[in-house]
Amino acid sequence: MNKLEQINALENGNGIQCLLDAAYKIFQNPIAMFETNDYNLKAYTDVACDDPLWDELIKTGTFSMETQGFFAKECFTEDVANADKLVILKSSKLKYDRIIGNIFNRDKIKVANIVMVGSNSHFNDEDTAAFEALADKISDEIHDDKYFTAYPQMYYESIIVRLLKGIIKDPLIYTSHMQIFYDGFEDYLYVTVVRIPNDDPIGYRNMLEDQFKNKRLSFKYAIYREHVVIVMSSKHKEYSETKFFDENFFKQNDLYAGISSSFENPYELLEHYNQALAALKNGMEKNEGQWVFVHS
C-alpha cells in the first residue's frame, strides 16, 4: 500500500498518540500536535530530531514569544491560519521544511495543528496527500473530546485576558489570532463588565454561559479579576444603548453591568474595559434602582 492507503487504514478510537506513532512508521519523520492557542504540546513522536524548533517544542511544551515572532515575520502564522487543511512551510532560516495541518473539532473550528518535520526525508505529493488524510483522521479522533469541544471559549477567554493584561503587544505576532477572535463580529464592538457579587466566579460564569450558548452566540467573554468581561458586536440583535439583556435578569441574580462606548480595534480592549468599569462603578454609586449602566 502507498502512504495514503496506509493512513486511511489506521483505526480511530485508540487516541492521538497511537495515531502519531503509527504515522511515524509510515512517514519516517517526527510528528507533533499542539493547540492553536498557546502552542501547548499535546502529543508527539518520541524520536530523535536535530531541528532547533522541534527541540524547543518538545523540551518546553510550547514555543517562546521570540519563536512566535519568527513565525509571524516569515508569514507562517498567517499562512497556517488561512489554510483550509494544510500548508508546507519553507524558509532559508529553517533547518528543515515542515508540513502543518489544521485539526478541527466537531463544530468545524480549528483547535490544534499537527506538524511533521522533514528531517529524515523530503516531502513529495504522496506525503502531502497522506498527511492531509492524517489531519482528517485526528480531527475524527477528537470529534467527541470534551476538551476540544469546549476549546473555542477557552481560546477566546485567553485572548481577552491577554489583551486586558497588556501581554499582547505585538500586532505582527497576533494578527491571525485577532482574525479568529474577531470572527462573527460584523461592525463596532462593545465591552461589558459584569460585577461578580461573591467569591464564586466559576458559578456565575456557568450561569451566564447558559445564556450565551442558547441565545447570544456572538458574545465572547472571560473572567478577569472580579468581573465577567463580555465583548459583543454592536449589530447584535439584542443590543441597545439603554438596555442590555433584560434588567430583571441582573436584578434576580444580583448582578450589575457597565457598557463601554463602541470601538473597532481589539487591541483597544483594555481602554474600553476601563470605560465599562467606570460606568459600572459610577452607576452603582448613584444607583436609582437600575442594574445596567452605559458609558456617557
Protein backbone atom coordinates (compact mmCIF):
# COMPACT_ATOMS: atom_id res chain seq x y z
CA MET A 1 0.00 0.00 0.00
CA ASN A 2 1.10 3.56 -0.61
CA LYS A 3 1.25 6.11 2.24
CA LEU A 4 -2.25 7.45 1.70
CA GLU A 5 -3.72 3.96 1.78
CA GLN A 6 -1.77 3.15 4.95
CA ILE A 7 -3.02 6.31 6.70
CA ASN A 8 -6.60 5.62 5.64
CA ALA A 9 -6.25 2.11 7.06
CA LEU A 10 -5.43 3.40 10.56
CA GLU A 11 -8.26 2.86 13.02
CA ASN A 12 -9.70 5.60 15.20
CA GLY A 13 -10.55 5.09 18.85
CA ASN A 14 -7.12 4.40 20.32
CA GLY A 15 -6.10 8.02 20.98
CA ILE A 16 -3.99 10.71 19.35
CA GLN A 17 -0.68 9.26 20.47
CA CYS A 18 -1.43 5.92 18.85
CA LEU A 19 -2.20 7.65 15.54
CA LEU A 20 1.01 9.70 15.66
CA ASP A 21 3.16 6.68 16.46
CA ALA A 22 1.60 4.72 13.59
CA ALA A 23 2.01 7.70 11.24
CA TYR A 24 5.71 7.97 12.10
CA LYS A 25 6.25 4.41 10.88
CA ILE A 26 4.66 5.43 7.59
CA PHE A 27 6.36 8.81 7.05
CA GLN A 28 9.63 8.18 8.94
CA ASN A 29 9.56 11.84 10.02
CA PRO A 30 8.81 13.21 13.52
CA ILE A 31 5.26 14.47 14.12
CA ALA A 32 3.77 16.58 16.92
CA MET A 33 0.35 18.01 17.76
CA PHE A 34 -0.13 21.33 19.59
CA GLU A 35 -3.02 23.68 20.37
CA THR A 36 -3.74 26.70 18.18
CA ASN A 37 -3.93 29.00 21.22
CA ASP A 38 -0.65 28.90 23.17
CA TYR A 39 1.04 26.24 21.05
CA ASN A 40 0.70 23.89 24.02
CA LEU A 41 2.11 20.48 23.10
CA LYS A 42 -0.50 17.69 23.22
CA ALA A 43 1.33 14.68 21.74
CA TYR A 44 4.49 13.86 19.79
CA THR A 45 6.53 11.01 18.40
CA ASP A 46 9.42 10.30 20.77
CA VAL A 47 12.17 10.09 18.18
CA ALA A 48 15.45 11.92 17.69
CA CYS A 49 15.33 15.13 15.63
CA ASP A 50 18.09 17.73 15.26
CA ASP A 51 15.73 20.57 14.32
CA PRO A 52 16.02 23.54 16.79
CA LEU A 53 12.31 24.44 16.70
CA TRP A 54 11.27 20.83 17.20
CA ASP A 55 13.69 20.64 20.13
CA GLU A 56 12.18 23.79 21.69
CA LEU A 57 8.62 22.49 21.36
CA ILE A 58 9.42 19.10 22.87
CA LYS A 59 11.60 20.42 25.71
CA THR A 60 9.42 23.36 26.77
CA GLY A 61 5.99 22.15 25.68
CA THR A 62 5.37 25.31 23.64
CA PHE A 63 7.09 27.99 21.52
CA SER A 64 8.66 31.12 23.02
CA MET A 65 7.48 34.62 22.11
CA GLU A 66 10.70 35.02 20.13
CA THR A 67 9.85 31.96 18.06
CA GLN A 68 6.26 33.13 17.62
CA GLY A 69 7.68 36.43 16.34
CA PHE A 70 9.79 34.49 13.84
CA PHE A 71 6.70 32.58 12.66
CA ALA A 72 4.86 35.87 12.14
CA LYS A 73 7.71 37.58 10.26
CA GLU A 74 8.02 34.58 7.96
CA CYS A 75 4.21 34.71 7.45
CA PHE A 76 3.91 31.18 8.84
CA THR A 77 1.23 32.21 11.35
CA GLU A 78 -0.86 33.86 8.65
CA ASP A 79 -0.36 31.02 6.16
CA VAL A 80 -1.46 28.38 8.67
CA ALA A 81 -4.45 30.44 9.84
CA ASN A 82 -5.63 30.93 6.25
CA ALA A 83 -5.03 27.33 5.13
CA ASP A 84 -8.08 25.12 4.70
CA LYS A 85 -6.30 21.91 5.58
CA LEU A 86 -2.51 22.13 5.47
CA VAL A 87 0.48 24.14 4.27
CA ILE A 88 4.16 23.42 3.61
CA LEU A 89 6.44 25.87 5.42
CA LYS A 90 9.78 26.70 3.82
CA SER A 91 12.41 29.26 4.77
CA SER A 92 16.15 29.73 4.45
CA LYS A 93 16.11 30.18 8.23
CA LEU A 94 14.60 26.74 8.85
CA LYS A 95 16.89 23.76 9.06
CA TYR A 96 14.16 21.54 7.60
CA ASP A 97 10.90 22.14 5.77
CA ARG A 98 7.74 21.14 7.62
CA ILE A 99 4.09 20.40 6.90
CA ILE A 100 1.44 21.91 9.17
CA GLY A 101 -2.10 20.52 9.20
CA ASN A 102 -5.18 22.02 10.85
CA ILE A 103 -7.23 19.97 13.30
CA PHE A 104 -10.94 20.77 13.70
CA ASN A 105 -13.39 20.00 16.49
CA ARG A 106 -16.93 18.79 15.80
CA ASP A 107 -18.09 22.40 15.28
CA LYS A 108 -15.53 22.77 12.45
CA ILE A 109 -13.41 25.22 14.50
CA LYS A 110 -9.60 25.00 14.28
CA VAL A 111 -8.40 23.85 17.67
CA ALA A 112 -4.98 22.32 17.04
CA ASN A 113 -2.23 21.71 14.50
CA ILE A 114 -0.07 18.77 13.61
CA VAL A 115 3.43 19.38 12.31
CA MET A 116 5.79 16.99 10.54
CA VAL A 117 9.45 17.96 10.23
CA GLY A 118 11.24 16.72 7.12
CA SER A 119 14.41 15.78 8.95
CA ASN A 120 14.67 12.24 7.56
CA SER A 121 13.17 12.56 4.09
CA HIS A 122 11.96 15.35 1.78
CA PHE A 123 8.25 15.84 1.15
CA ASN A 124 6.53 14.87 -2.07
CA ASP A 125 2.95 14.81 -3.37
CA GLU A 126 2.33 11.43 -1.80
CA ASP A 127 3.37 12.80 1.61
CA THR A 128 1.09 15.82 1.21
CA ALA A 129 -2.00 13.76 0.39
CA ALA A 130 -1.29 11.26 3.16
CA PHE A 131 -0.63 13.99 5.73
CA GLU A 132 -3.92 15.68 4.87
CA ALA A 133 -5.63 12.35 5.48
CA LEU A 134 -3.83 12.09 8.83
CA ALA A 135 -5.14 15.54 9.83
CA ASP A 136 -8.66 14.39 8.99
CA LYS A 137 -8.09 11.19 10.94
CA ILE A 138 -7.05 13.14 14.06
CA SER A 139 -10.00 15.53 13.66
CA ASP A 140 -12.21 12.43 13.73
CA GLU A 141 -10.34 11.19 16.81
CA ILE A 142 -11.14 14.34 18.82
CA HIS A 143 -14.71 14.71 17.49
CA ASP A 144 -16.34 13.89 20.84
CA ASP A 145 -13.46 15.01 23.06
CA LYS A 146 -14.88 17.31 25.78
CA TYR A 147 -11.72 19.40 25.97
CA PHE A 148 -11.66 20.28 22.30
CA THR A 149 -15.42 20.77 22.20
CA ALA A 150 -15.05 23.48 24.86
CA TYR A 151 -11.78 24.78 23.40
CA PRO A 152 -13.11 27.81 21.43
CA GLN A 153 -14.41 29.54 24.56
CA MET A 154 -11.14 28.82 26.37
CA TYR A 155 -9.34 30.31 23.38
CA TYR A 156 -11.42 33.49 23.39
CA GLU A 157 -11.05 33.83 27.14
CA SER A 158 -7.28 33.53 26.87
CA ILE A 159 -7.13 36.19 24.13
CA ILE A 160 -9.36 38.58 26.10
CA VAL A 161 -7.29 38.19 29.28
CA ARG A 162 -4.03 38.68 27.37
CA LEU A 163 -5.37 41.87 25.81
CA LEU A 164 -6.55 43.19 29.17
CA LYS A 165 -3.24 42.39 30.87
CA GLY A 166 -1.25 44.00 28.07
CA ILE A 167 0.56 40.76 27.29
CA ILE A 168 -0.39 41.02 23.62
CA LYS A 169 1.69 43.95 22.45
CA ASP A 170 2.99 42.88 19.06
CA PRO A 171 0.21 43.02 16.42
CA LEU A 172 2.50 41.21 13.96
CA ILE A 173 2.52 38.09 16.12
CA TYR A 174 -1.18 38.11 16.93
CA THR A 175 -2.75 39.28 13.67
CA SER A 176 -4.12 35.86 12.78
CA HIS A 177 -5.26 35.34 16.37
CA MET A 178 -7.16 38.61 16.20
CA GLN A 179 -8.79 37.46 12.96
CA ILE A 180 -10.08 34.37 14.71
CA PHE A 181 -11.17 36.37 17.74
CA TYR A 182 -12.95 38.92 15.52
CA ASP A 183 -14.76 36.22 13.55
CA GLY A 184 -18.52 36.60 13.92
CA PHE A 185 -18.42 40.31 14.68
CA GLU A 186 -19.98 42.46 11.98
CA ASP A 187 -19.21 46.06 12.90
CA TYR A 188 -18.23 48.00 16.01
CA LEU A 189 -17.55 46.23 19.29
CA TYR A 190 -18.69 46.95 22.82
CA VAL A 191 -17.22 45.61 26.03
CA THR A 192 -19.36 44.95 29.07
CA VAL A 193 -18.11 44.21 32.57
CA VAL A 194 -20.42 42.42 34.98
CA ARG A 195 -19.70 42.60 38.69
CA ILE A 196 -19.37 39.21 40.38
CA PRO A 197 -21.12 39.67 43.74
CA ASN A 198 -19.40 36.87 45.65
CA ASP A 199 -16.39 34.56 45.58
CA ASP A 200 -17.84 32.15 43.02
CA PRO A 201 -16.66 33.40 39.59
CA ILE A 202 -16.99 29.95 38.04
CA GLY A 203 -20.58 29.63 39.22
CA TYR A 204 -21.54 32.98 37.74
CA ARG A 205 -19.68 32.25 34.55
CA ASN A 206 -21.59 28.97 34.23
CA MET A 207 -24.85 30.83 34.81
CA LEU A 208 -24.03 33.32 32.06
CA GLU A 209 -22.81 30.53 29.77
CA ASP A 210 -26.32 29.12 29.74
CA GLN A 211 -27.47 32.45 28.34
CA PHE A 212 -24.65 32.71 25.80
CA LYS A 213 -24.85 29.17 24.46
CA ASN A 214 -28.58 29.24 23.88
CA LYS A 215 -29.36 32.84 22.87
CA ARG A 216 -26.30 35.02 22.43
CA LEU A 217 -23.79 33.11 20.34
CA SER A 218 -21.89 36.19 19.13
CA PHE A 219 -20.68 37.02 22.67
CA LYS A 220 -17.10 36.26 23.63
CA TYR A 221 -16.30 36.53 27.31
CA ALA A 222 -13.76 35.92 30.07
CA ILE A 223 -13.34 36.09 33.83
CA TYR A 224 -10.96 38.98 34.54
CA ARG A 225 -10.26 39.95 38.14
CA GLU A 226 -13.65 40.22 39.82
CA HIS A 227 -15.60 40.72 36.59
CA VAL A 228 -17.16 38.79 33.77
CA VAL A 229 -15.91 40.65 30.66
CA ILE A 230 -18.15 40.34 27.60
CA VAL A 231 -17.17 41.50 24.10
CA MET A 232 -20.01 41.80 21.62
CA SER A 233 -21.00 43.23 18.24
CA SER A 234 -22.95 46.46 18.04
CA LYS A 235 -25.14 44.79 15.41
CA HIS A 236 -26.18 42.04 17.78
CA LYS A 237 -29.97 41.91 17.68
CA GLU A 238 -30.32 42.09 21.46
CA TYR A 239 -28.09 45.12 21.99
CA SER A 240 -29.37 48.63 22.66
CA GLU A 241 -27.62 51.58 24.24
CA THR A 242 -30.17 51.82 27.02
CA LYS A 243 -30.83 48.18 27.73
CA PHE A 244 -28.58 45.15 27.79
CA PHE A 245 -30.30 41.82 28.36
CA ASP A 246 -33.43 42.08 30.45
CA GLU A 247 -32.65 44.09 33.58
CA ASN A 248 -34.72 41.56 35.53
CA PHE A 249 -32.01 39.00 34.74
CA PHE A 250 -29.44 41.15 36.55
CA LYS A 251 -31.76 42.03 39.42
CA GLN A 252 -32.73 38.42 40.04
CA ASN A 253 -29.10 37.34 40.11
CA ASP A 254 -27.71 40.36 41.99
CA LEU A 255 -25.57 41.41 39.00
CA TYR A 256 -24.61 44.89 37.82
CA ALA A 257 -23.28 45.69 34.34
CA GLY A 258 -21.37 48.58 32.77
CA ILE A 259 -21.09 49.09 28.99
CA SER A 260 -18.29 50.96 27.18
CA SER A 261 -18.51 53.06 24.06
CA SER A 262 -18.03 51.29 20.72
CA PHE A 263 -14.63 50.52 19.20
CA GLU A 264 -13.27 48.58 16.23
CA ASN A 265 -9.72 47.54 17.09
CA PRO A 266 -9.48 44.58 19.51
CA TYR A 267 -6.16 45.99 20.75
CA GLU A 268 -8.19 48.83 22.32
CA LEU A 269 -9.97 46.38 24.60
CA LEU A 270 -8.19 47.49 27.80
CA GLU A 271 -9.15 51.14 27.27
CA HIS A 272 -12.80 50.24 26.79
CA TYR A 273 -12.74 47.77 29.65
CA ASN A 274 -11.79 50.71 31.87
CA GLN A 275 -14.66 52.74 30.37
CA ALA A 276 -17.15 49.98 31.13
CA LEU A 277 -15.69 49.60 34.62
CA ALA A 278 -16.09 53.35 35.25
CA ALA A 279 -19.70 53.21 34.06
CA LEU A 280 -20.31 50.28 36.39
CA LYS A 281 -18.77 51.95 39.46
CA ASN A 282 -20.40 55.33 38.85
CA GLY A 283 -23.76 53.72 38.21
CA MET A 284 -23.62 51.64 41.38
CA GLU A 285 -22.67 54.69 43.47
CA LYS A 286 -25.60 56.68 42.08
CA ASN A 287 -27.90 53.71 41.72
CA GLU A 288 -31.57 54.61 41.48
CA GLY A 289 -32.89 51.10 41.04
CA GLN A 290 -31.08 50.41 37.77
CA TRP A 291 -28.77 47.47 37.11
CA VAL A 292 -27.25 48.33 33.70
CA PHE A 293 -25.17 51.46 33.07
CA VAL A 294 -23.82 52.87 29.78
CA HIS A 295 -20.63 54.94 29.43
CA SER A 296 -21.50 58.54 28.62
